[in-house]
Amino acid sequence: MKEIIFINSHPIQYFAPLYKYLNEHGVKTKAWYGSDESIKGGMDKQFGAEVKWDIPLLQGYEYEFFKNYSWKPSHFNGFFGLISLGMIKRLFSMPKSVIIVHGWHYFSHLIVLLTGSALGHTICLRCEMPQNQEMLKTGWKQSLKKLGLKYLLFPRINYFLNIGTQNRLFYKSYGIDDKKIIFCPYSVDNDRFGAERASYAPKLQEIRTSMGIAEIDKVILYSGKYITKKRPLDLLKAYIKLNKPNCWLLMVGEGELRADMEVLIKEHGLNKVILTGFINQSKISEFYAISDVFVMCSTIGETWGLSINEAMNFDLPLVVSDQTGSAGDLVKEGVNGYTFETANVDELAVKLNKLLYQQQLSWSITSQQIVNEYSYATIARNMAQITG
C-alpha cells in the first residue's frame, strides 16, 4: 500500500483530525506544510484578531514543515506567499507515494502538481471549486485560468477528489472521466462533535440562562468571520424583519464588518443580538448546543462552509444561501432546512419564520443522518481505490 502525503499551506483545524483518523484506521498518512503560522498563533487578517487554535493540530500523524523561500512569506499573501522548494527536491528522492494537494493557489502546490506524476507519484487534486460559482466568473483572467487547467494542469492529475456535488460538476465541466473522480467529502470531526453534543445535553438551560436566554426563546446561530464574503449584515437585516420578541441572534465570530454590525444593532435597539468575538474550537460546541437553527448567508467564495457540518452534528435545521458551496448537498429543501436566494434578505426572513414559528419541516431525514455520510470514515473508505 502506498503512503499518502497531504500537502497543505499550514495546519488546518478541520484537516489535522482527518490525518490522525486515517492513521488510526490503517491508512498511513503524512502531511507537508509550507507555513507554521497557525501553530505559532498571531493576527488572522480576516478575523482581525489574534488566533491560536486550541485543539491539537500536530497529533496522531507524521508531519514536516518546509522552508519558505518567499520574499513575502505567509499563506495570507497569495500565490507567491508559499515557495517551498524543498518539497520538489523531496519528490525526486522518496518512494513512489500518493500525493494529495489542496488546490493550486500557491507556487509550492502548483509546482508539485505539475511535476509529481512525471516522477512516478500518484498525484491527486483536492480543490474546493464549486461549478455554480465558476459559472458566474467572467473576464480574461478566468478564460486564461480555464485554458491553463484544461491543457496544462489537469492532464497531469491522476485522481480528482471531489468534496461535494458542485465540485464534481466543476471537474466534469473539463471532461474528467468518472473513473478519475473520487468522492472525498469535506468533513469535520463528527466523533468529537457527537461526544460534545452528548456532554452538553444535561446543561443546555443552564448555559442559556447564563446568557439571559429563556427556555421558551428561539436562538438563531451564525458562526463565521464578519467579512464581506459571508454577508453577516444580511442576517442582521433579516432578523430585524423577522421582528420576534422572544428570538435571539448569536453571531459567533469576528472581523472587519463588526463596526457596521454594531451600528445596525444600535440603530434598531437589538438587545437580543450577541456578537461573541472569536470563539475557539474547544468552546464552539456550546453555541451549537443551545441553538434552534443555523444560518449561513455567504456569497461567491464560500466554496463549502464547514461550520454547517459542525451544526449538523447537533441536528440543527439549516437556512443556507444558494451560493454556498455545500447548499445542494447538506440542505434537503423542506426536510432539514431551506435555501434562499443569496442576498435576498426578505426571503431569508421568510424562511426563518417558516422554520422557527411555523415548523414547516418534514424531518424525513435529519441533519445528523445527512452529515454522517460526510465523514472521515467515508474518506478512508473511498481512498482505498487509490492506495490499494
Protein backbone atom coordinates (compact mmCIF):
# COMPACT_ATOMS: atom_id res chain seq x y z
CA MET A 1 0.00 0.00 0.00
CA LYS A 2 1.38 3.40 -0.98
CA GLU A 3 1.92 6.06 1.64
CA ILE A 4 -0.31 9.14 1.47
CA ILE A 5 1.11 12.64 1.80
CA PHE A 6 -1.22 15.62 2.07
CA ILE A 7 0.17 19.00 1.05
CA ASN A 8 -1.36 21.98 2.82
CA SER A 9 -0.45 25.61 3.20
CA HIS A 10 -0.48 25.26 7.02
CA PRO A 11 -2.01 23.02 9.73
CA ILE A 12 -5.79 23.47 9.50
CA GLN A 13 -8.21 22.70 12.33
CA TYR A 14 -10.54 20.76 10.03
CA PHE A 15 -7.87 18.70 8.26
CA ALA A 16 -5.45 17.68 11.03
CA PRO A 17 -8.00 15.41 12.79
CA LEU A 18 -8.58 13.66 9.44
CA TYR A 19 -4.90 12.74 9.17
CA LYS A 20 -4.97 11.36 12.71
CA TYR A 21 -8.12 9.36 11.91
CA LEU A 22 -6.62 7.85 8.76
CA ASN A 23 -3.52 6.68 10.60
CA GLU A 24 -5.63 5.19 13.38
CA HIS A 25 -7.61 3.26 10.77
CA GLY A 26 -4.70 1.73 8.91
CA VAL A 27 -4.12 4.37 6.22
CA LYS A 28 -0.51 5.55 6.52
CA THR A 29 -0.72 9.33 6.21
CA LYS A 30 1.73 12.23 6.48
CA ALA A 31 1.37 15.98 5.95
CA TRP A 32 3.71 18.52 4.42
CA TYR A 33 3.25 22.17 5.36
CA GLY A 34 4.56 25.38 3.86
CA SER A 35 3.82 27.52 6.92
CA ASP A 36 3.55 27.11 10.69
CA GLU A 37 1.58 30.31 11.28
CA SER A 38 -1.46 28.50 12.68
CA ILE A 39 0.76 26.73 15.21
CA LYS A 40 2.59 29.83 16.40
CA GLY A 41 -0.59 31.87 16.51
CA GLY A 42 -0.89 35.52 15.55
CA MET A 43 -3.06 38.04 13.80
CA ASP A 44 -5.63 36.49 11.48
CA LYS A 45 -6.23 39.17 8.86
CA GLN A 46 -9.84 38.16 8.22
CA PHE A 47 -10.81 37.66 11.85
CA GLY A 48 -8.97 40.86 12.70
CA ALA A 49 -7.91 39.17 15.94
CA GLU A 50 -5.11 37.12 17.46
CA VAL A 51 -5.84 33.47 16.70
CA LYS A 52 -4.21 30.32 18.04
CA TRP A 53 -6.30 27.17 17.71
CA ASP A 54 -6.74 25.27 20.97
CA ILE A 55 -7.24 21.77 19.57
CA PRO A 56 -4.23 19.58 18.68
CA LEU A 57 -3.09 20.22 15.11
CA LEU A 58 0.02 18.03 15.05
CA GLN A 59 -1.01 14.90 16.92
CA GLY A 60 -1.53 11.39 15.59
CA TYR A 61 0.31 11.70 12.27
CA GLU A 62 3.75 12.46 10.85
CA TYR A 63 4.32 15.94 9.50
CA GLU A 64 7.05 18.18 8.16
CA PHE A 65 7.40 21.92 7.75
CA PHE A 66 9.37 23.06 4.70
CA LYS A 67 11.44 26.21 4.46
CA ASN A 68 9.58 29.02 2.74
CA TYR A 69 11.72 30.98 0.26
CA SER A 70 9.06 33.62 -0.44
CA TRP A 71 10.02 37.30 -0.21
CA LYS A 72 6.60 37.89 1.42
CA PRO A 73 6.21 34.69 3.45
CA SER A 74 2.66 33.95 4.62
CA HIS A 75 -0.25 31.84 3.48
CA PHE A 76 -2.24 35.09 3.59
CA ASN A 77 -0.06 36.63 0.85
CA GLY A 78 -1.35 34.89 -2.25
CA PHE A 79 0.32 32.68 -4.84
CA PHE A 80 3.92 33.67 -4.08
CA GLY A 81 3.38 33.66 -0.31
CA LEU A 82 4.48 30.00 -0.16
CA ILE A 83 7.54 28.86 -2.11
CA SER A 84 8.68 25.61 -0.50
CA LEU A 85 11.32 24.34 -2.92
CA GLY A 86 12.28 21.51 -0.58
CA MET A 87 9.03 19.74 -1.46
CA ILE A 88 10.16 19.41 -5.08
CA LYS A 89 13.57 18.10 -4.06
CA ARG A 90 11.91 15.51 -1.82
CA LEU A 91 9.73 14.20 -4.66
CA PHE A 92 12.86 13.13 -6.54
CA SER A 93 14.31 11.00 -3.74
CA MET A 94 11.33 9.47 -1.93
CA PRO A 95 9.48 6.19 -2.69
CA LYS A 96 6.52 6.42 -5.03
CA SER A 97 3.61 7.78 -2.99
CA VAL A 98 0.10 9.15 -3.22
CA ILE A 99 0.40 12.95 -3.10
CA ILE A 100 -2.81 14.84 -2.32
CA VAL A 101 -2.54 18.57 -2.96
CA HIS A 102 -5.13 21.02 -1.67
CA GLY A 103 -5.58 23.35 -4.64
CA TRP A 104 -3.16 25.10 -6.95
CA HIS A 105 -3.27 28.56 -5.42
CA TYR A 106 0.30 28.65 -4.08
CA PHE A 107 3.55 28.29 -6.03
CA SER A 108 4.51 25.25 -3.93
CA HIS A 109 1.24 23.48 -4.62
CA LEU A 110 1.23 24.14 -8.34
CA ILE A 111 4.80 23.01 -8.94
CA VAL A 112 4.14 19.72 -7.08
CA LEU A 113 1.04 19.13 -9.20
CA LEU A 114 2.94 19.84 -12.40
CA THR A 115 5.98 17.66 -11.65
CA GLY A 116 4.82 14.89 -9.34
CA SER A 117 3.27 12.46 -11.80
CA ALA A 118 6.30 12.70 -14.11
CA LEU A 119 8.37 11.38 -11.20
CA GLY A 120 6.09 8.35 -10.79
CA HIS A 121 3.95 9.56 -7.89
CA THR A 122 0.17 9.26 -7.88
CA ILE A 123 -1.00 12.87 -7.91
CA CYS A 124 -4.43 13.76 -6.53
CA LEU A 125 -6.07 17.17 -6.56
CA ARG A 126 -8.49 18.09 -3.79
CA CYS A 127 -9.73 21.56 -4.60
CA GLU A 128 -12.90 23.29 -3.38
CA MET A 129 -14.13 24.88 -6.60
CA PRO A 130 -17.95 24.70 -7.00
CA GLN A 131 -19.26 24.82 -10.56
CA ASN A 132 -22.20 27.12 -9.76
CA GLN A 133 -19.73 29.79 -8.62
CA GLU A 134 -17.35 29.24 -11.53
CA MET A 135 -20.18 29.88 -13.98
CA LEU A 136 -20.62 33.39 -12.55
CA LYS A 137 -16.99 34.39 -13.16
CA THR A 138 -16.02 36.24 -16.34
CA GLY A 139 -13.10 38.16 -17.82
CA TRP A 140 -9.76 37.41 -19.41
CA LYS A 141 -8.22 36.04 -16.21
CA GLN A 142 -10.99 33.47 -15.94
CA SER A 143 -10.53 32.49 -19.60
CA LEU A 144 -6.78 32.13 -19.08
CA LYS A 145 -7.35 30.01 -15.98
CA LYS A 146 -9.65 27.66 -17.86
CA LEU A 147 -7.06 27.14 -20.58
CA GLY A 148 -4.33 26.50 -18.03
CA LEU A 149 -6.40 23.97 -16.13
CA LYS A 150 -7.63 22.11 -19.20
CA TYR A 151 -4.38 21.85 -21.17
CA LEU A 152 -1.58 22.26 -18.61
CA LEU A 153 -2.63 21.12 -15.15
CA PHE A 154 -5.48 18.62 -15.33
CA PRO A 155 -3.76 16.24 -17.80
CA ARG A 156 -1.07 15.73 -15.13
CA ILE A 157 -3.51 14.72 -12.36
CA ASN A 158 -4.17 11.03 -11.70
CA TYR A 159 -7.25 11.46 -9.49
CA PHE A 160 -9.61 14.31 -8.65
CA LEU A 161 -11.04 14.18 -5.13
CA ASN A 162 -14.41 15.92 -5.14
CA ILE A 163 -15.69 17.40 -1.89
CA GLY A 164 -19.33 17.56 -2.99
CA THR A 165 -21.79 17.79 -5.88
CA GLN A 166 -20.83 21.20 -7.23
CA ASN A 167 -17.13 20.37 -7.02
CA ARG A 168 -17.77 17.18 -9.00
CA LEU A 169 -19.64 19.20 -11.63
CA PHE A 170 -16.63 21.51 -11.83
CA TYR A 171 -14.36 18.58 -12.74
CA LYS A 172 -16.94 17.20 -15.17
CA SER A 173 -17.08 20.57 -16.96
CA TYR A 174 -13.46 19.89 -18.00
CA GLY A 175 -14.34 16.45 -19.33
CA ILE A 176 -12.72 14.49 -16.50
CA ASP A 177 -13.63 10.80 -16.67
CA ASP A 178 -15.86 9.49 -13.88
CA LYS A 179 -13.29 6.82 -13.03
CA LYS A 180 -10.81 9.52 -12.06
CA ILE A 181 -13.22 11.39 -9.74
CA ILE A 182 -13.42 10.07 -6.17
CA PHE A 183 -15.79 11.35 -3.50
CA CYS A 184 -13.76 12.59 -0.52
CA PRO A 185 -16.24 14.92 1.16
CA TYR A 186 -15.41 17.98 3.16
CA SER A 187 -15.93 16.80 6.72
CA VAL A 188 -15.38 17.75 10.32
CA ASP A 189 -14.56 15.51 13.27
CA ASN A 190 -18.06 14.09 13.66
CA ASP A 191 -16.99 11.86 16.56
CA ARG A 192 -15.71 14.82 18.59
CA PHE A 193 -18.78 16.94 17.96
CA GLY A 194 -21.08 14.00 18.72
CA ALA A 195 -19.38 13.49 22.07
CA GLU A 196 -19.59 17.20 22.87
CA ARG A 197 -23.29 17.28 21.97
CA ALA A 198 -23.91 14.49 24.47
CA SER A 199 -21.86 16.20 27.18
CA TYR A 200 -23.79 19.47 26.84
CA ALA A 201 -27.24 17.84 26.76
CA PRO A 202 -27.83 17.92 30.56
CA LYS A 203 -26.89 21.59 30.94
CA LEU A 204 -28.50 23.37 27.98
CA GLN A 205 -30.81 25.54 30.04
CA GLU A 206 -28.02 26.36 32.46
CA ILE A 207 -25.97 27.72 29.54
CA ARG A 208 -28.95 29.60 28.12
CA THR A 209 -29.75 31.14 31.49
CA SER A 210 -26.17 32.33 31.89
CA MET A 211 -26.65 34.29 28.65
CA GLY A 212 -30.07 35.64 29.62
CA ILE A 213 -31.94 33.35 27.21
CA ALA A 214 -35.26 32.00 28.49
CA GLU A 215 -36.34 28.39 27.97
CA ILE A 216 -39.11 29.39 25.52
CA ASP A 217 -36.89 31.73 23.49
CA LYS A 218 -35.68 30.85 19.99
CA VAL A 219 -31.99 31.10 19.11
CA ILE A 220 -30.60 31.75 15.61
CA LEU A 221 -26.91 30.95 15.24
CA TYR A 222 -24.32 32.36 12.83
CA SER A 223 -20.73 31.12 13.00
CA GLY A 224 -18.09 32.68 10.78
CA LYS A 225 -15.92 35.66 10.12
CA TYR A 226 -17.54 39.07 9.89
CA ILE A 227 -16.36 39.64 6.33
CA THR A 228 -17.99 40.59 3.03
CA LYS A 229 -17.95 37.07 1.59
CA LYS A 230 -20.07 35.79 4.47
CA ARG A 231 -22.63 38.66 4.35
CA PRO A 232 -23.38 38.79 8.11
CA LEU A 233 -25.30 42.05 7.65
CA ASP A 234 -27.89 40.15 5.60
CA LEU A 235 -28.73 38.03 8.61
CA LEU A 236 -28.96 41.05 10.89
CA LYS A 237 -31.37 42.73 8.46
CA ALA A 238 -33.44 39.56 8.15
CA TYR A 239 -33.56 39.29 11.94
CA ILE A 240 -34.92 42.84 12.09
CA LYS A 241 -37.62 41.93 9.55
CA LEU A 242 -38.46 38.77 11.49
CA ASN A 243 -39.27 41.02 14.45
CA LYS A 244 -39.99 38.37 17.07
CA PRO A 245 -39.64 39.48 20.72
CA ASN A 246 -38.59 36.06 22.02
CA CYS A 247 -35.88 35.44 19.40
CA TRP A 248 -32.13 35.76 19.92
CA LEU A 249 -29.38 36.05 17.34
CA LEU A 250 -25.95 34.76 18.30
CA MET A 251 -23.23 35.79 15.87
CA VAL A 252 -20.11 33.80 16.66
CA GLY A 253 -17.05 35.32 15.05
CA GLU A 254 -15.04 38.47 14.46
CA GLY A 255 -13.92 40.58 11.53
CA GLU A 256 -13.79 43.84 9.67
CA LEU A 257 -17.58 44.29 9.44
CA ARG A 258 -18.07 44.40 13.21
CA ALA A 259 -18.37 48.20 13.26
CA ASP A 260 -21.12 48.16 10.61
CA MET A 261 -22.95 45.43 12.51
CA GLU A 262 -22.73 47.38 15.76
CA VAL A 263 -24.19 50.45 14.07
CA LEU A 264 -27.19 48.45 12.84
CA ILE A 265 -27.67 46.86 16.25
CA LYS A 266 -27.63 50.23 17.97
CA GLU A 267 -29.93 51.91 15.42
CA HIS A 268 -32.61 49.26 15.92
CA GLY A 269 -32.10 48.68 19.64
CA LEU A 270 -31.40 44.99 19.19
CA ASN A 271 -30.86 43.84 22.77
CA LYS A 272 -31.10 40.14 21.91
CA VAL A 273 -28.20 40.13 19.45
CA ILE A 274 -24.82 38.96 20.75
CA LEU A 275 -21.57 39.45 18.83
CA THR A 276 -19.34 36.98 20.62
CA GLY A 277 -15.92 37.79 19.18
CA PHE A 278 -13.57 34.97 18.21
CA ILE A 279 -14.55 31.63 19.79
CA ASN A 280 -12.02 28.82 19.72
CA GLN A 281 -12.73 25.21 18.77
CA SER A 282 -12.93 23.93 22.33
CA LYS A 283 -15.83 26.32 23.09
CA ILE A 284 -17.76 26.43 19.81
CA SER A 285 -19.97 23.42 20.63
CA GLU A 286 -21.63 25.31 23.47
CA PHE A 287 -23.24 27.65 20.95
CA TYR A 288 -24.40 24.88 18.62
CA ALA A 289 -25.89 23.01 21.57
CA ILE A 290 -28.20 25.84 22.71
CA SER A 291 -29.37 27.00 19.26
CA ASP A 292 -32.56 26.28 17.31
CA VAL A 293 -31.38 26.97 13.75
CA PHE A 294 -28.09 27.55 11.97
CA VAL A 295 -27.77 30.16 9.21
CA MET A 296 -25.10 30.68 6.56
CA CYS A 297 -25.72 33.56 4.17
CA SER A 298 -22.47 33.63 2.19
CA THR A 299 -21.88 34.59 -1.43
CA ILE A 300 -19.26 33.63 -4.04
CA GLY A 301 -16.08 32.47 -2.35
CA GLU A 302 -17.85 30.26 0.20
CA THR A 303 -16.76 27.08 -1.54
CA TRP A 304 -18.22 24.77 1.12
CA GLY A 305 -18.91 26.10 4.64
CA LEU A 306 -17.67 23.56 7.19
CA SER A 307 -19.45 25.26 10.08
CA ILE A 308 -22.62 23.83 8.52
CA ASN A 309 -21.20 20.33 9.07
CA GLU A 310 -20.50 21.25 12.68
CA ALA A 311 -24.06 22.48 13.22
CA MET A 312 -25.50 19.33 11.66
CA ASN A 313 -23.74 17.22 14.27
CA PHE A 314 -26.09 18.92 16.75
CA ASP A 315 -29.02 18.04 14.46
CA LEU A 316 -29.79 21.71 13.83
CA PRO A 317 -32.09 22.69 10.98
CA LEU A 318 -30.42 24.90 8.38
CA VAL A 319 -31.10 28.06 6.40
CA VAL A 320 -28.36 28.46 3.78
CA SER A 321 -27.80 30.81 0.83
CA ASP A 322 -27.92 29.16 -2.58
CA GLN A 323 -24.38 30.26 -3.50
CA THR A 324 -22.85 28.48 -0.52
CA GLY A 325 -20.90 25.57 -1.98
CA SER A 326 -22.47 22.85 0.18
CA ALA A 327 -26.09 24.01 -0.04
CA GLY A 328 -27.14 21.37 -2.58
CA ASP A 329 -25.51 18.56 -0.59
CA LEU A 330 -26.36 19.33 3.02
CA VAL A 331 -29.74 21.09 2.79
CA LYS A 332 -32.74 18.97 1.80
CA GLU A 333 -35.37 21.58 1.00
CA GLY A 334 -38.28 21.44 3.40
CA VAL A 335 -36.78 18.40 5.11
CA ASN A 336 -33.91 19.54 7.33
CA GLY A 337 -33.96 23.19 6.27
CA TYR A 338 -34.24 25.70 3.46
CA THR A 339 -32.09 27.51 0.95
CA PHE A 340 -32.69 31.10 -0.09
CA GLU A 341 -31.50 33.36 -2.88
CA THR A 342 -28.17 34.86 -1.87
CA ALA A 343 -28.54 38.49 -0.68
CA ASN A 344 -32.35 38.23 -0.63
CA VAL A 345 -32.98 39.46 2.91
CA ASP A 346 -36.77 39.23 2.59
CA GLU A 347 -36.62 35.56 1.59
CA LEU A 348 -34.17 34.82 4.39
CA ALA A 349 -36.60 36.33 6.92
CA VAL A 350 -39.49 34.31 5.46
CA LYS A 351 -37.53 31.06 5.65
CA LEU A 352 -36.52 31.75 9.26
CA ASN A 353 -40.15 32.38 10.15
CA LYS A 354 -41.29 29.16 8.44
CA LEU A 355 -38.69 27.13 10.25
CA LEU A 356 -38.86 28.66 13.73
CA TYR A 357 -42.51 29.61 14.09
CA GLN A 358 -44.45 27.58 11.53
CA GLN A 359 -42.34 24.41 11.88
CA GLN A 360 -42.72 23.51 8.21
CA LEU A 361 -40.08 20.78 8.01
CA SER A 362 -40.78 17.12 7.36
CA TRP A 363 -37.59 15.78 9.04
CA SER A 364 -37.95 12.60 6.98
CA ILE A 365 -34.18 12.62 7.15
CA THR A 366 -32.33 14.56 9.84
CA SER A 367 -29.31 16.83 9.65
CA GLN A 368 -27.44 14.28 11.76
CA GLN A 369 -28.25 11.46 9.34
CA ILE A 370 -27.15 13.52 6.35
CA VAL A 371 -23.84 14.63 7.82
CA ASN A 372 -22.97 11.08 8.87
CA GLU A 373 -22.07 10.39 5.23
CA TYR A 374 -19.81 13.48 5.14
CA SER A 375 -17.29 11.89 7.42
CA TYR A 376 -13.69 10.82 7.84
CA ALA A 377 -14.90 7.23 7.54
CA THR A 378 -16.28 7.93 4.06
CA ILE A 379 -12.95 9.46 3.04
CA ALA A 380 -10.97 6.48 4.36
CA ARG A 381 -13.26 4.02 2.57
CA ASN A 382 -13.15 5.81 -0.77
CA MET A 383 -9.43 6.46 -0.72
CA ALA A 384 -8.84 2.72 -0.75
CA GLN A 385 -9.39 2.99 -4.52
CA ILE A 386 -6.16 4.99 -4.76
CA THR A 387 -3.88 3.33 -2.22
CA GLY A 388 -4.90 -0.27 -2.68
